[in-house]
Protein backbone atom coordinates (compact mmCIF):
# COMPACT_ATOMS: atom_id res chain seq x y z
CA MET A 1 0.00 0.00 0.00
CA THR A 2 1.02 3.65 -0.05
CA PHE A 3 2.23 3.48 3.56
CA ILE A 4 4.53 0.58 2.74
CA THR A 5 7.29 3.02 1.82
CA THR A 6 6.84 4.88 5.12
CA ILE A 7 7.23 1.72 7.18
CA LEU A 8 10.18 0.62 5.14
CA ALA A 9 11.77 4.03 5.56
CA GLN A 10 11.43 3.74 9.35
CA ALA A 11 12.87 0.24 9.26
CA ALA A 12 15.78 1.52 7.19
CA ASP A 13 16.54 4.39 9.55
CA THR A 14 19.36 2.58 11.31
CA ASP A 15 22.96 3.30 12.18
CA THR A 16 24.03 2.23 8.70
CA GLY A 17 22.15 5.19 7.22
CA SER A 18 20.25 3.08 4.68
CA THR A 19 17.44 4.81 2.81
CA TRP A 20 14.03 3.37 2.07
CA LEU A 21 15.00 2.88 -1.56
CA GLU A 22 18.03 0.85 -0.52
CA THR A 23 15.81 -1.21 1.75
CA ILE A 24 13.44 -1.95 -1.12
CA ASN A 25 16.42 -2.78 -3.29
CA ASN A 26 17.46 -5.29 -0.66
CA GLY A 27 14.17 -7.08 -1.35
CA GLY A 28 15.35 -7.95 -4.82
CA VAL A 29 12.99 -9.06 -7.57
CA VAL A 30 10.42 -10.37 -5.09
CA GLY A 31 10.34 -7.00 -3.36
CA TYR A 32 9.61 -5.19 -6.62
CA ILE A 33 6.83 -7.66 -7.40
CA ILE A 34 5.24 -6.92 -4.02
CA ILE A 35 5.53 -3.17 -4.64
CA GLY A 36 3.80 -3.59 -8.01
CA LEU A 37 1.01 -5.60 -6.39
CA SER A 38 0.59 -2.91 -3.72
CA VAL A 39 0.02 -0.25 -6.41
CA PHE A 40 -2.53 -2.49 -8.14
CA ALA A 41 -4.26 -3.20 -4.82
CA LEU A 42 -4.48 0.52 -4.09
CA ALA A 43 -6.20 1.09 -7.45
CA LEU A 44 -8.68 -1.71 -6.68
CA ILE A 45 -9.45 -0.29 -3.27
CA ILE A 46 -10.19 3.16 -4.70
CA MET A 47 -12.42 1.60 -7.37
CA HIS A 48 -14.38 -0.44 -4.80
CA VAL A 49 -14.83 2.55 -2.49
CA VAL A 50 -16.38 4.46 -5.40
CA GLN A 51 -18.55 1.59 -6.69
CA ILE A 52 -19.69 -0.19 -3.52
CA ARG A 53 -21.72 2.56 -1.89
CA ARG A 54 -25.43 3.19 -1.54
CA SER A 55 -25.59 6.21 -3.83
CA ALA A 56 -24.04 4.13 -6.64
CA LEU A 57 -25.92 0.85 -6.16
CA ILE A 58 -29.32 2.13 -4.97
CA PRO A 59 -29.52 5.81 -6.06
CA PRO A 60 -32.27 7.57 -4.08
CA ALA A 61 -33.32 9.64 -7.10
CA GLN A 62 -33.83 6.52 -9.23
CA LEU A 63 -35.69 4.78 -6.45
CA GLU A 64 -38.08 7.72 -6.06
CA GLN A 65 -38.69 8.05 -9.81
CA ILE A 66 -39.41 4.33 -10.29
CA ASP A 67 -41.68 4.37 -7.25
CA GLN A 68 -43.74 7.16 -8.81
CA LEU A 69 -43.98 5.45 -12.21
CA LEU A 70 -44.99 2.07 -10.84
CA GLY A 71 -47.25 3.66 -8.26
CA ARG A 72 -49.50 5.01 -11.00
CA GLY A 73 -49.33 1.74 -12.95
CA ASP A 74 -47.12 2.98 -15.79
CA VAL A 75 -45.05 -0.18 -16.19
CA ALA A 76 -43.92 0.70 -19.73
CA ALA A 77 -42.47 4.02 -18.59
CA GLY A 78 -40.79 2.32 -15.64
CA LEU A 79 -39.16 -0.25 -17.91
CA GLU A 80 -38.04 2.46 -20.33
CA TYR A 81 -36.51 4.38 -17.41
CA CYS A 82 -34.59 1.29 -16.26
CA LEU A 83 -33.35 0.55 -19.78
CA ASP A 84 -31.93 4.04 -20.23
CA PRO A 85 -28.09 3.75 -20.15
CA ALA A 86 -27.94 7.00 -18.20
CA ASN A 87 -29.80 5.27 -15.34
CA ASP A 88 -27.66 2.13 -15.27
CA SER A 89 -27.20 0.87 -11.72
CA TYR A 90 -27.47 -2.25 -9.58
CA LEU A 91 -31.12 -1.38 -8.85
CA THR A 92 -32.24 -0.74 -12.44
CA ARG A 93 -30.50 -3.83 -13.82
CA ILE A 94 -32.46 -6.04 -11.43
CA LEU A 95 -35.76 -4.26 -12.06
CA THR A 96 -35.27 -4.46 -15.83
CA ALA A 97 -35.43 -8.26 -15.71
CA GLY A 98 -38.56 -8.24 -13.55
CA LEU A 99 -40.46 -5.60 -15.53
CA THR A 100 -39.59 -7.27 -18.83
CA ARG A 101 -40.97 -10.59 -17.58
CA PHE A 102 -44.06 -8.80 -16.23
CA GLN A 103 -44.85 -7.29 -19.63
CA LYS A 104 -44.00 -10.17 -21.95
CA SER A 105 -45.35 -13.13 -20.01
CA ALA A 106 -49.02 -13.98 -19.70
CA PHE A 107 -48.34 -14.90 -16.07
CA GLY A 108 -46.00 -11.97 -15.45
CA VAL A 109 -47.49 -11.05 -12.10
CA PHE A 110 -46.65 -14.54 -10.82
CA GLU A 111 -43.22 -14.78 -12.47
CA ILE A 112 -41.84 -11.34 -11.69
CA LYS A 113 -40.45 -12.34 -8.30
CA ASN A 114 -38.56 -15.29 -9.77
CA ALA A 115 -37.09 -13.06 -12.47
CA ILE A 116 -36.03 -10.46 -9.90
CA GLU A 117 -34.45 -13.10 -7.65
CA GLU A 118 -32.44 -14.54 -10.54
CA ALA A 119 -31.27 -11.09 -11.68
CA GLY A 120 -30.44 -10.09 -8.09
CA GLU A 121 -28.31 -13.19 -7.55
CA ASP A 122 -26.47 -12.54 -10.83
CA GLN A 123 -25.78 -8.87 -10.08
CA THR A 124 -24.67 -9.63 -6.51
CA ALA A 125 -22.34 -12.36 -7.76
CA ARG A 126 -20.79 -9.83 -10.15
CA LEU A 127 -20.06 -7.50 -7.26
CA TYR A 128 -18.42 -10.31 -5.32
CA ARG A 129 -16.31 -11.29 -8.33
CA SER A 130 -15.07 -7.72 -8.66
CA THR A 131 -13.50 -7.98 -5.18
CA ASP A 132 -11.86 -11.35 -5.81
CA ALA A 133 -8.66 -9.74 -7.11
CA LEU A 134 -8.16 -7.97 -3.80
CA GLY A 135 -8.60 -11.23 -1.92
CA VAL A 136 -6.12 -12.99 -4.21
CA ILE A 137 -3.51 -10.29 -3.58
CA GLY A 138 -4.05 -10.61 0.15
CA SER A 139 -3.55 -14.37 -0.12
CA ILE A 140 -0.42 -14.46 -2.28
CA ALA A 141 1.41 -11.51 -0.70
CA PRO A 142 2.58 -13.53 2.36
CA LEU A 143 3.58 -16.36 0.04
CA LEU A 144 5.71 -13.96 -1.98
CA GLY A 145 7.28 -12.77 1.26
CA LEU A 146 7.97 -16.37 2.21
CA LEU A 147 9.47 -16.95 -1.22
CA GLY A 148 11.84 -14.03 -0.67
CA THR A 149 12.69 -15.37 2.77
CA VAL A 150 13.60 -18.78 1.43
CA TRP A 151 15.53 -17.22 -1.41
CA GLY A 152 17.49 -15.01 0.98
CA MET A 153 18.27 -17.84 3.37
CA ILE A 154 19.50 -20.01 0.53
CA GLY A 155 21.83 -17.20 -0.49
CA ALA A 156 23.01 -16.74 3.10
CA PHE A 157 23.86 -20.41 3.53
CA ASP A 158 25.50 -20.39 0.14
CA ALA A 159 27.73 -17.51 1.32
CA LEU A 160 28.64 -19.46 4.47
CA ARG A 161 29.55 -22.47 2.39
CA HIS A 162 32.40 -20.67 0.64
CA GLY A 163 35.30 -20.98 3.08
CA ALA A 164 35.73 -20.30 6.75
CA THR A 165 35.63 -16.52 6.29
CA PRO A 166 32.52 -15.76 4.21
CA ASN A 167 31.88 -12.42 2.53
CA HIS A 168 30.01 -10.47 5.20
CA GLU A 169 28.38 -8.15 2.63
CA ASP A 170 26.90 -11.06 0.70
CA LEU A 171 25.74 -12.69 3.92
CA ALA A 172 24.11 -9.49 5.20
CA GLY A 173 22.48 -8.83 1.82
CA ASN A 174 20.89 -12.27 1.72
CA ILE A 175 19.63 -11.99 5.29
CA SER A 176 18.22 -8.55 4.47
CA LEU A 177 16.44 -10.04 1.46
CA ALA A 178 14.88 -12.69 3.70
CA LEU A 179 13.61 -10.17 6.26
CA VAL A 180 12.56 -7.32 3.97
CA THR A 181 10.44 -9.46 1.66
CA THR A 182 8.64 -10.99 4.63
CA LEU A 183 7.93 -7.53 6.02
CA MET A 184 6.70 -6.22 2.67
CA GLY A 185 4.47 -9.24 2.09
CA LEU A 186 2.78 -8.88 5.48
CA ILE A 187 2.34 -5.12 5.10
CA LEU A 188 0.52 -5.72 1.82
CA ALA A 189 -1.50 -8.76 2.90
CA ILE A 190 -2.99 -7.48 6.17
CA PRO A 191 -4.93 -4.49 4.76
CA CYS A 192 -5.93 -6.40 1.61
CA VAL A 193 -7.50 -9.25 3.58
CA ALA A 194 -9.24 -6.85 5.97
CA LEU A 195 -10.65 -4.69 3.16
CA TYR A 196 -11.72 -7.74 1.17
CA ARG A 197 -13.95 -8.81 4.06
CA TYR A 198 -15.11 -5.23 4.59
CA PHE A 199 -16.26 -4.86 0.99
CA GLY A 200 -17.95 -8.27 1.13
CA ASN A 201 -19.96 -7.19 4.16
CA ARG A 202 -20.96 -3.96 2.41
CA ILE A 203 -22.19 -5.94 -0.60
CA ASP A 204 -24.31 -8.13 1.69
CA ALA A 205 -25.82 -5.09 3.41
CA PHE A 206 -26.65 -3.24 0.18
CA ALA A 207 -28.03 -6.38 -1.49
CA SER A 208 -30.37 -6.91 1.46
CA GLU A 209 -31.47 -3.27 1.38
CA ALA A 210 -32.04 -3.40 -2.38
CA GLY A 211 -34.14 -6.55 -1.95
CA MET A 212 -36.46 -4.82 0.52
CA GLU A 213 -36.84 -1.76 -1.72
CA ILE A 214 -37.56 -3.87 -4.80
CA GLU A 215 -40.12 -5.91 -2.89
CA ARG A 216 -41.88 -2.68 -1.98
CA LEU A 217 -41.91 -1.62 -5.64
CA VAL A 218 -43.30 -4.98 -6.75
CA LEU A 219 -46.31 -4.45 -4.49
CA HIS A 220 -47.41 -1.67 -6.87
CA LEU A 221 -47.50 -4.16 -9.74
CA GLU A 222 -49.42 -6.74 -7.73
CA SER A 223 -52.02 -4.18 -6.66
CA THR A 224 -52.34 -2.94 -10.25
CA ALA A 225 -52.87 -6.47 -11.54
CA ALA A 226 -55.45 -7.18 -8.83
CA ALA A 227 -57.40 -4.02 -9.67
CA ALA A 228 -57.51 -4.77 -13.40
CA PRO A 229 -60.91 -6.17 -14.55
CA VAL A 230 -60.95 -9.79 -15.52
CA ARG A 231 -62.12 -10.16 -19.10
CA GLY A 232 -63.72 -13.45 -19.98
CA PRO A 233 -64.82 -14.81 -23.37
CA ALA A 234 -67.61 -12.99 -25.20
CA VAL A 235 -71.07 -14.33 -24.32
CA GLY A 236 -73.93 -14.03 -26.82
CA PRO A 237 -77.63 -13.58 -26.01
CA ALA A 238 -79.29 -16.36 -24.11
CA ARG A 239 -81.05 -18.87 -26.26
CA GLY A 240 -83.84 -21.18 -25.24
CA PRO A 241 -84.01 -24.87 -26.04
CA ARG A 242 -84.44 -25.74 -29.71
CA PRO A 243 -88.01 -26.88 -30.52
CA VAL A 244 -88.48 -30.53 -31.25
CA PRO A 245 -90.01 -31.01 -34.75
CA ALA A 246 -93.44 -32.71 -34.83
CA PRO A 247 -93.69 -36.15 -36.45
CA PRO A 248 -94.99 -36.12 -40.07
CA THR A 249 -98.77 -36.56 -40.56
CA PRO A 250 -99.62 -39.74 -42.56
CA GLY A 251 -101.19 -39.15 -46.02
CA PRO A 252 -104.50 -40.54 -47.38
CA GLY A 253 -103.06 -43.80 -48.66
CA ALA A 254 -100.80 -44.36 -45.77
CA GLY A 255 -103.34 -46.37 -43.72
CA GLY A 256 -103.83 -50.12 -43.67
CA VAL A 257 -103.95 -52.43 -46.75
CA SER A 258 -107.34 -52.47 -48.49
């Protein structure tokens, strides 16, 4: 993170007079990889802070406008409002699926809740997936630090292996690599893991709130459908029973045999 350089600068403020840049250099390639990941993690955190907030997911102005449109039974205008790219949000994307099903299906009033639940699960899963990168960084940062530690210790033992009087500069550099990379990995991992859980909890809270608001909006549609007159098949005028024709009257020669 941005404060990683500050902590490293304090750690480097020793009697040797090392600067923070020299301390990072002591981390070697692994240290530079961790610094690059910290910059990427900072960009992700800023993006999530902007995106995962109530005014972005459930804008009050959109909620009020849709409430007015559906309250007066204007489903077509409500759907058009949700489809407008200028009104794209977590709320409108979920309502678009429900209102589309309500209009196009003969049993829309019964299917709208299923459509909204499916769209809500999909949109919530997308929000969770957007935070996965932050969780991955928080998971691999300590492993990168451990990798640097192992690398540094291998170099330190390799320096000890060369003769009875090893090169103290090589030995100190390898030990510094082992310690600095571990420090950098932990400094990056701790805030990433904490913020990953924080953003996940915010997604849960806003998804629950959006569900309650959408359920309130759906009540307008159910009341509108209940108030609509039920039109049955056309019924013609009542007709009485058809008269039974009388049997034919026998003619003059239709009697017995003469």
